Protein backbone atom coordinates (compact mmCIF):
# COMPACT_ATOMS: atom_id res chain seq x y z
CA MET A 1 26.20 24.43 -2.03
CA GLY A 2 23.63 22.52 0.13
CA MET A 3 23.06 20.23 -3.00
CA PRO A 4 22.50 16.56 -1.71
CA LEU A 5 25.15 13.97 -2.71
CA PRO A 6 23.83 10.29 -2.30
CA TYR A 7 27.31 8.81 -2.49
CA SER A 8 29.76 8.27 0.23
CA VAL A 9 33.53 8.91 -0.30
CA GLU A 10 34.14 5.19 -0.33
CA GLU A 11 31.59 4.66 -3.13
CA LEU A 12 33.10 7.55 -5.18
CA ILE A 13 36.49 5.89 -4.94
CA GLN A 14 35.19 2.47 -5.98
CA ILE A 15 33.41 4.23 -8.87
CA SER A 16 36.79 5.80 -9.86
CA TYR A 17 38.51 2.38 -10.00
CA GLN A 18 35.60 0.78 -12.06
CA LEU A 19 35.81 3.66 -14.59
CA LEU A 20 39.53 3.08 -14.95
CA GLU A 21 39.17 -0.49 -15.46
CA LYS A 22 36.29 -0.16 -18.03
CA ASN A 23 38.66 2.24 -19.94
CA ASP A 24 41.78 0.03 -19.49
CA LEU A 25 43.65 3.18 -18.00
CA THR A 26 46.35 3.11 -15.39
CA ASP A 27 47.53 6.74 -15.71
CA ALA A 28 44.71 9.15 -16.26
CA TYR A 29 42.86 12.25 -15.24
CA ILE A 30 39.49 11.78 -13.37
CA ARG A 31 36.88 14.46 -13.33
CA PRO A 32 33.74 14.02 -11.15
CA LEU A 33 30.83 16.39 -11.41
CA VAL A 34 27.79 16.65 -9.37
CA TYR A 35 24.97 18.46 -10.91
CA ALA A 36 21.25 19.40 -10.43
CA ALA A 37 19.09 16.28 -11.27
CA MET A 38 16.10 18.26 -12.63
CA PRO A 39 16.09 21.70 -14.57
CA ASN A 40 16.37 24.43 -12.01
CA MET A 41 15.81 27.95 -13.08
CA SER A 42 15.17 29.38 -9.59
CA LEU A 43 17.69 30.91 -7.26
CA LYS A 44 17.97 27.94 -4.74
CA CYS A 45 19.76 24.82 -4.60
CA ALA A 46 18.50 21.65 -6.35
CA SER A 47 16.76 19.17 -4.13
CA SER A 48 18.34 16.37 -5.97
CA SER A 49 21.53 15.73 -7.89
CA ASN A 50 23.27 13.45 -10.45
CA LEU A 51 26.82 12.31 -10.64
CA LEU A 52 28.81 12.36 -13.80
CA MET A 53 32.45 10.95 -13.83
CA ALA A 54 34.83 10.91 -16.69
CA VAL A 55 38.30 9.75 -17.16
CA TRP A 56 40.88 10.35 -19.95
CA GLU A 57 44.61 10.33 -20.75
CA TRP A 58 45.81 13.83 -20.29
CA GLY A 59 49.41 15.12 -20.14
CA LYS A 60 50.45 17.74 -17.64
CA TYR A 61 47.96 20.61 -18.00
CA LEU A 62 50.67 23.47 -17.98
CA GLY A 63 53.34 21.39 -19.71
CA ASP A 64 56.87 20.53 -18.66
CA GLN A 65 58.65 23.92 -19.06
CA SER A 66 58.99 26.45 -16.25
CA LEU A 67 56.38 29.10 -16.45
CA ARG A 68 56.46 33.00 -16.79
CA LEU A 69 53.70 34.25 -14.43
CA THR A 70 52.26 37.65 -14.18
CA ILE A 71 50.33 39.35 -11.32
CA SER A 72 46.71 39.38 -12.59
CA PRO A 73 44.51 42.63 -12.47
CA TYR A 74 41.89 40.37 -11.38
CA GLU A 75 41.62 39.08 -7.76
CA ARG A 76 40.36 35.88 -6.23
CA PRO A 77 36.71 36.05 -5.09
CA ASN A 78 36.00 37.48 -1.65
CA PRO A 79 35.68 34.45 0.64
CA LYS A 80 32.79 36.34 2.41
CA ALA A 81 30.93 36.46 -0.99
CA VAL A 82 31.27 32.72 -2.00
CA PRO A 83 32.53 29.46 -0.43
CA ILE A 84 35.91 29.76 -1.99
CA GLU A 85 37.10 26.37 -0.52
CA ALA A 86 34.45 24.50 -2.60
CA LYS A 87 35.56 23.27 -5.94
CA ILE A 88 32.55 24.79 -7.78
CA SER A 89 32.24 25.15 -11.71
CA GLY A 90 31.22 28.66 -11.44
CA HIS A 91 34.43 29.70 -9.59
CA TYR A 92 36.25 28.99 -12.87
CA VAL A 93 34.89 31.93 -14.68
CA ASN A 94 37.34 34.05 -12.52
CA SER A 95 40.13 31.64 -13.44
CA ILE A 96 39.31 31.71 -17.22
CA ILE A 97 39.32 35.51 -17.37
CA ALA A 98 42.61 35.91 -15.26
CA SER A 99 44.34 33.17 -17.49
CA SER A 100 43.20 34.57 -20.75
CA GLU A 101 44.24 38.10 -19.81
CA ALA A 102 47.65 36.90 -18.83
CA LYS A 103 48.13 34.80 -21.95
CA GLY A 104 47.01 37.83 -23.95
CA ARG A 105 49.95 39.86 -22.56
CA GLY A 106 52.42 37.13 -23.48
CA TYR A 107 52.67 35.31 -20.25
CA ASP A 108 52.36 31.58 -19.73
CA GLU A 109 49.81 31.98 -16.74
CA ALA A 110 48.50 34.37 -14.16
CA LEU A 111 49.09 34.71 -10.47
CA LEU A 112 46.06 36.24 -8.62
CA LEU A 113 46.10 38.09 -5.42
CA ASP A 114 43.31 38.18 -2.75
CA MET A 115 41.32 41.30 -1.86
CA ASN A 116 43.96 42.37 0.58
CA GLY A 117 46.72 42.36 -1.92
CA TYR A 118 48.39 39.08 -0.77
CA VAL A 119 49.40 36.39 -3.22
CA ALA A 120 46.60 33.70 -3.36
CA GLU A 121 46.99 31.11 -6.26
CA GLY A 122 46.95 30.64 -10.07
CA PRO A 123 43.83 30.14 -12.01
CA GLY A 124 44.05 26.47 -11.45
CA ALA A 125 46.96 25.72 -9.32
CA ASN A 126 48.39 26.52 -6.04
CA PHE A 127 51.56 28.59 -5.71
CA PHE A 128 54.78 27.98 -3.64
CA PHE A 129 58.07 29.91 -3.49
CA GLU A 130 61.53 28.93 -2.04
CA LYS A 131 63.66 31.07 0.08
CA ASN A 132 66.64 30.30 2.38
CA GLY A 133 65.90 26.44 2.01
CA GLU A 134 62.32 26.99 3.13
CA LEU A 135 58.90 26.84 1.36
CA PHE A 136 56.22 29.61 1.49
CA THR A 137 52.53 29.16 0.30
CA ALA A 138 49.22 30.97 0.88
CA PRO A 139 47.14 29.84 3.80
CA ALA A 140 43.41 28.95 3.80
CA GLY A 141 41.22 31.90 3.13
CA SER A 142 41.21 33.01 -0.60
CA ILE A 143 42.58 29.65 -2.05
CA LEU A 144 41.36 26.19 -2.87
CA ARG A 145 43.50 23.95 -0.74
CA GLY A 146 44.21 21.39 -3.52
CA ILE A 147 45.00 17.78 -2.88
CA THR A 148 48.43 17.95 -4.59
CA ARG A 149 49.16 21.20 -2.46
CA ASN A 150 48.51 19.30 0.67
CA THR A 151 50.51 16.12 -0.55
CA ILE A 152 53.52 18.30 -1.44
CA ILE A 153 53.32 19.94 2.20
CA ASP A 154 53.19 16.46 3.69
CA LEU A 155 56.20 15.34 1.62
CA ALA A 156 58.20 18.40 2.36
CA ARG A 157 57.67 18.14 6.06
CA GLU A 158 58.47 14.45 6.02
CA ALA A 159 61.75 15.42 4.37
CA GLY A 160 62.46 17.98 7.13
CA ILE A 161 61.81 20.95 4.98
CA THR A 162 60.07 23.79 6.69
CA VAL A 163 56.81 24.96 5.02
CA HIS A 164 55.19 28.32 6.02
CA GLU A 165 51.45 28.75 5.31
CA LYS A 166 51.18 32.40 5.64
CA PHE A 167 50.02 35.69 3.79
CA PHE A 168 52.57 37.35 1.85
CA THR A 169 52.61 40.13 -0.86
CA PRO A 170 54.33 40.06 -4.28
CA ALA A 171 57.26 41.95 -2.64
CA ALA A 172 58.12 38.85 -0.65
CA LEU A 173 59.30 37.13 -3.88
CA GLN A 174 62.25 39.30 -4.08
CA GLY A 175 65.32 37.15 -3.17
CA ALA A 176 63.46 33.89 -3.67
CA THR A 177 65.56 31.16 -5.29
CA GLY A 178 62.68 29.19 -6.81
CA ALA A 179 59.00 28.83 -7.19
CA PHE A 180 56.54 26.22 -8.46
CA MET A 181 52.76 25.58 -8.84
CA THR A 182 50.73 22.39 -7.98
CA GLY A 183 47.52 20.91 -9.11
CA THR A 184 45.77 17.78 -10.02
CA ALA A 185 46.16 18.41 -13.72
CA ALA A 186 49.31 20.57 -13.50
CA GLU A 187 51.05 18.13 -11.12
CA VAL A 188 54.19 20.02 -9.97
CA ILE A 189 55.44 22.56 -12.53
CA GLY A 190 58.40 25.02 -12.04
CA VAL A 191 58.04 28.88 -12.30
CA SER A 192 60.92 30.89 -13.76
CA SER A 193 59.58 34.45 -13.02
CA VAL A 194 56.84 36.48 -11.74
CA ASP A 195 56.70 39.62 -13.81
CA GLU A 196 60.17 41.36 -13.16
CA VAL A 197 61.34 38.79 -10.54
CA VAL A 198 63.39 36.15 -11.96
CA PHE A 199 64.23 33.09 -9.79
CA GLU A 200 67.97 32.50 -9.98
CA THR A 201 68.21 28.69 -9.51
CA PRO A 202 67.18 26.51 -12.37
CA PHE A 203 64.13 24.48 -11.46
CA PRO A 204 65.89 21.05 -11.69
CA ASP A 205 68.13 22.17 -8.81
CA THR A 206 65.38 23.41 -6.48
CA ILE A 207 63.45 21.89 -3.50
CA GLY A 208 60.38 22.08 -5.79
CA ALA A 209 62.16 19.82 -8.31
CA GLN A 210 63.03 17.32 -5.52
CA LEU A 211 59.47 17.27 -4.22
CA ALA A 212 58.10 16.81 -7.89
CA ARG A 213 60.22 13.62 -8.25
CA ARG A 214 59.02 12.44 -4.86
CA TYR A 215 55.38 13.19 -5.90
CA GLN A 216 55.70 11.41 -9.00
CA ALA A 217 57.05 8.32 -7.37
CA LEU A 218 54.21 8.43 -4.85
CA VAL A 219 51.42 8.67 -7.27
CA THR A 220 52.76 6.07 -9.50
CA GLY A 221 53.19 3.67 -6.54
CA ALA A 222 56.98 3.73 -6.27
CA LEU A 223 56.86 5.56 -2.84
CA ALA A 224 54.77 4.65 0.22
CA PRO A 225 52.47 7.64 1.05
CA ALA A 226 53.38 9.56 4.23
CA LEU A 227 50.83 10.01 7.09
CA SER A 228 49.00 13.26 6.55
CA SER A 229 49.98 16.07 8.73
CA THR A 230 47.11 18.41 7.72
């Protein structure tokens, strides 16, 4: 966005720890927000910024039950129109519209395509599906490559599971045995169906569930983190 940020990554990490200690929390959600320091009504980036960081106890955003998804009529924004890999508050207007529309039709969440008709991601979580013992997920382009997504890919590859980062259409979901979504707030949550495609293997018996258990152990300190492969 071009907005200046007068904090290093290490400083932000230390602020996070201080915030947790001040609130006596060991298992919590951390939300940093960088915003314009002065009122800015012009169409240009602010010349200075402020940092707000909040922390609170929060259960899994999408719950614990496997989700029924539907392909959204709304697409992810064109990556040539906005910096889609940036975690920007304005991008979530697209997410809110897609999620609200899906829930209005009786589904648990939406699954958005990109401008070329390939599966991209959910409104606030990345999407994986399992077929023939391998995992598939959308590559960089029209998605936000989430930290949880990258961690799950690392854990899978460390365990010898093949992960394909490639473009695929909804038709590729036919014959898939399982699916799941990942996100900081969602963690790892199973997907039972996408419209008329129902995944035959119960989520607890899928690769996704195995990775969810390894992820939970990792973030709670029970499992040493693997070296990043991304």
